[in-house]
Amino acid sequence: MRHHIIVRVSTRILVAFILLFALYVQFHGDFGPGGGFQAGVIFGAGCILYGLVFGVDALRVVIPDAIVRSIAALGVLLFAGVGVVAILAGGNFLDYSVLGQTPTAGQHLGIILIELGVGMTVASVVILLYYAFTNR
């Protein structure tokens, strides 16, 4: 792909917008359609596009395997941690209303944290699947 300069330049521009759109979907998900799963898939797809154009080795330099695995684990821990904190605060598992000063504030905070954990996990697993299929 080294001789396809238009594809390489276009990809550099598009990947930035794809990742930015993934962040928009992630943090707008509690107000409208979207959320962690959709944002994770979009983020992972942006990374895969980068890997397809510049090579999987270039993507592994940008996002090493160990970091992707760590982010996947942190996403699951964040999801479960919100549930445990809710239990410790006197509510049920994933009962967001006990997380804030008011039930509405607690629900807002809980949903943002849960969706962030889901987004981190999904994006990492999508990237790890790409790494697994391109393993030499």
Protein backbone atom coordinates (compact mmCIF):
# COMPACT_ATOMS: atom_id res chain seq x y z
CA MET A 1 0.00 0.00 0.00
CA ARG A 2 2.99 2.33 0.05
CA HIS A 3 2.34 3.51 -3.50
CA HIS A 4 -1.33 4.36 -2.82
CA ILE A 5 -0.75 7.84 -1.46
CA ILE A 6 -4.38 8.95 -1.82
CA VAL A 7 -5.64 5.98 0.19
CA ARG A 8 -3.04 6.58 2.90
CA VAL A 9 -3.74 10.30 3.25
CA SER A 10 -7.50 9.78 3.13
CA THR A 11 -7.27 7.10 5.80
CA ARG A 12 -5.27 9.35 8.12
CA ILE A 13 -7.99 11.98 7.84
CA LEU A 14 -10.91 9.55 8.06
CA VAL A 15 -9.58 7.64 11.07
CA ALA A 16 -9.44 10.84 13.10
CA PHE A 17 -13.08 11.60 12.30
CA ILE A 18 -14.16 7.99 12.90
CA LEU A 19 -12.58 7.98 16.35
CA LEU A 20 -14.08 11.38 17.13
CA PHE A 21 -17.51 10.11 16.07
CA ALA A 22 -17.03 7.08 18.33
CA LEU A 23 -16.42 9.42 21.26
CA TYR A 24 -19.56 11.36 20.34
CA VAL A 25 -21.64 8.18 20.26
CA GLN A 26 -20.08 7.07 23.56
CA PHE A 27 -20.87 10.20 25.52
CA HIS A 28 -24.17 11.03 23.81
CA GLY A 29 -25.51 7.52 24.41
CA ASP A 30 -27.27 8.39 27.65
CA PHE A 31 -29.27 11.16 25.94
CA GLY A 32 -30.20 9.42 22.70
CA PRO A 33 -29.53 6.36 20.56
CA GLY A 34 -26.08 4.94 20.89
CA GLY A 35 -23.84 4.12 23.76
CA GLY A 36 -20.99 1.89 24.72
CA PHE A 37 -21.49 -1.03 22.36
CA GLN A 38 -21.99 1.09 19.27
CA ALA A 39 -19.10 3.39 20.17
CA GLY A 40 -16.82 0.42 20.83
CA VAL A 41 -17.58 -1.10 17.44
CA ILE A 42 -17.01 2.24 15.68
CA PHE A 43 -13.73 2.79 17.54
CA GLY A 44 -12.59 -0.75 16.75
CA ALA A 45 -13.55 -0.34 13.09
CA GLY A 46 -11.50 2.86 12.88
CA CYS A 47 -8.49 1.02 14.27
CA ILE A 48 -9.02 -1.88 11.87
CA LEU A 49 -9.17 0.57 8.94
CA TYR A 50 -5.83 1.96 10.06
CA GLY A 51 -4.45 -1.58 10.27
CA LEU A 52 -5.76 -2.52 6.82
CA VAL A 53 -4.16 0.47 5.14
CA PHE A 54 -0.90 0.81 7.07
CA GLY A 55 -0.45 -2.81 8.12
CA VAL A 56 -1.15 -4.69 11.31
CA ASP A 57 2.41 -4.09 12.50
CA ALA A 58 1.88 -0.33 12.35
CA LEU A 59 -1.34 -0.72 14.34
CA ARG A 60 0.45 -2.86 16.92
CA VAL A 61 3.00 -0.07 17.34
CA VAL A 62 0.21 2.44 17.95
CA ILE A 63 -1.84 0.11 20.18
CA PRO A 64 0.22 -2.82 21.56
CA ASP A 65 -1.45 -6.11 22.46
CA ALA A 66 -0.78 -5.71 26.18
CA ILE A 67 -2.47 -2.32 26.31
CA VAL A 68 -5.51 -3.57 24.40
CA ARG A 69 -5.86 -6.53 26.78
CA SER A 70 -5.51 -4.20 29.77
CA ILE A 71 -8.21 -1.87 28.45
CA ALA A 72 -10.54 -4.84 27.92
CA ALA A 73 -10.02 -5.96 31.51
CA LEU A 74 -10.44 -2.43 32.86
CA GLY A 75 -13.72 -2.08 30.99
CA VAL A 76 -15.12 -5.23 32.59
CA LEU A 77 -13.85 -4.11 35.99
CA LEU A 78 -15.47 -0.70 35.56
CA PHE A 79 -18.79 -2.32 34.68
CA ALA A 80 -18.67 -4.70 37.64
CA GLY A 81 -17.25 -2.01 39.93
CA VAL A 82 -20.26 0.24 39.40
CA GLY A 83 -22.49 -2.64 40.48
CA VAL A 84 -20.40 -3.35 43.56
CA VAL A 85 -20.35 0.33 44.55
CA ALA A 86 -24.14 0.39 44.19
CA ILE A 87 -24.39 -2.61 46.55
CA LEU A 88 -22.04 -0.95 49.04
CA ALA A 89 -24.15 2.22 48.89
CA GLY A 90 -27.22 0.26 49.96
CA GLY A 91 -28.88 -0.48 46.64
CA ASN A 92 -29.09 -3.48 44.36
CA PHE A 93 -26.44 -4.51 41.84
CA LEU A 94 -26.40 -1.82 39.11
CA ASP A 95 -29.03 0.26 40.94
CA TYR A 96 -27.72 3.61 39.76
CA SER A 97 -30.07 5.75 41.84
CA VAL A 98 -27.92 5.32 44.98
CA LEU A 99 -24.75 6.60 43.29
CA GLY A 100 -25.55 10.32 43.41
CA GLN A 101 -27.06 13.00 45.61
CA THR A 102 -30.40 12.52 43.89
CA PRO A 103 -31.71 9.41 42.12
CA THR A 104 -31.60 11.21 38.76
CA ALA A 105 -27.98 12.29 39.25
CA GLY A 106 -27.04 8.77 40.33
CA GLN A 107 -28.70 7.23 37.29
CA HIS A 108 -26.93 9.67 34.99
CA LEU A 109 -23.52 8.90 36.55
CA GLY A 110 -24.15 5.16 36.59
CA ILE A 111 -25.18 4.98 32.95
CA ILE A 112 -22.16 7.02 31.82
CA LEU A 113 -19.79 4.73 33.75
CA ILE A 114 -21.49 1.52 32.58
CA GLU A 115 -21.47 2.64 28.96
CA LEU A 116 -17.81 3.65 29.25
CA GLY A 117 -16.94 0.18 30.54
CA VAL A 118 -18.89 -1.48 27.74
CA GLY A 119 -17.29 0.77 25.12
CA MET A 120 -13.78 0.06 26.37
CA THR A 121 -14.39 -3.68 26.42
CA VAL A 122 -16.07 -3.88 23.00
CA ALA A 123 -13.43 -1.73 21.27
CA SER A 124 -10.64 -3.79 22.81
CA VAL A 125 -12.21 -7.12 21.90
CA VAL A 126 -12.80 -5.99 18.30
CA ILE A 127 -9.14 -4.95 18.02
CA LEU A 128 -8.00 -8.19 19.67
CA LEU A 129 -10.07 -10.20 17.20
CA TYR A 130 -8.39 -8.35 14.35
CA TYR A 131 -4.99 -9.10 15.89
CA ALA A 132 -5.94 -12.77 16.25
CA PHE A 133 -7.03 -13.10 12.63
CA THR A 134 -3.91 -11.35 11.35
CA ASN A 135 -1.47 -13.21 13.60
CA ARG A 136 1.47 -14.67 11.77
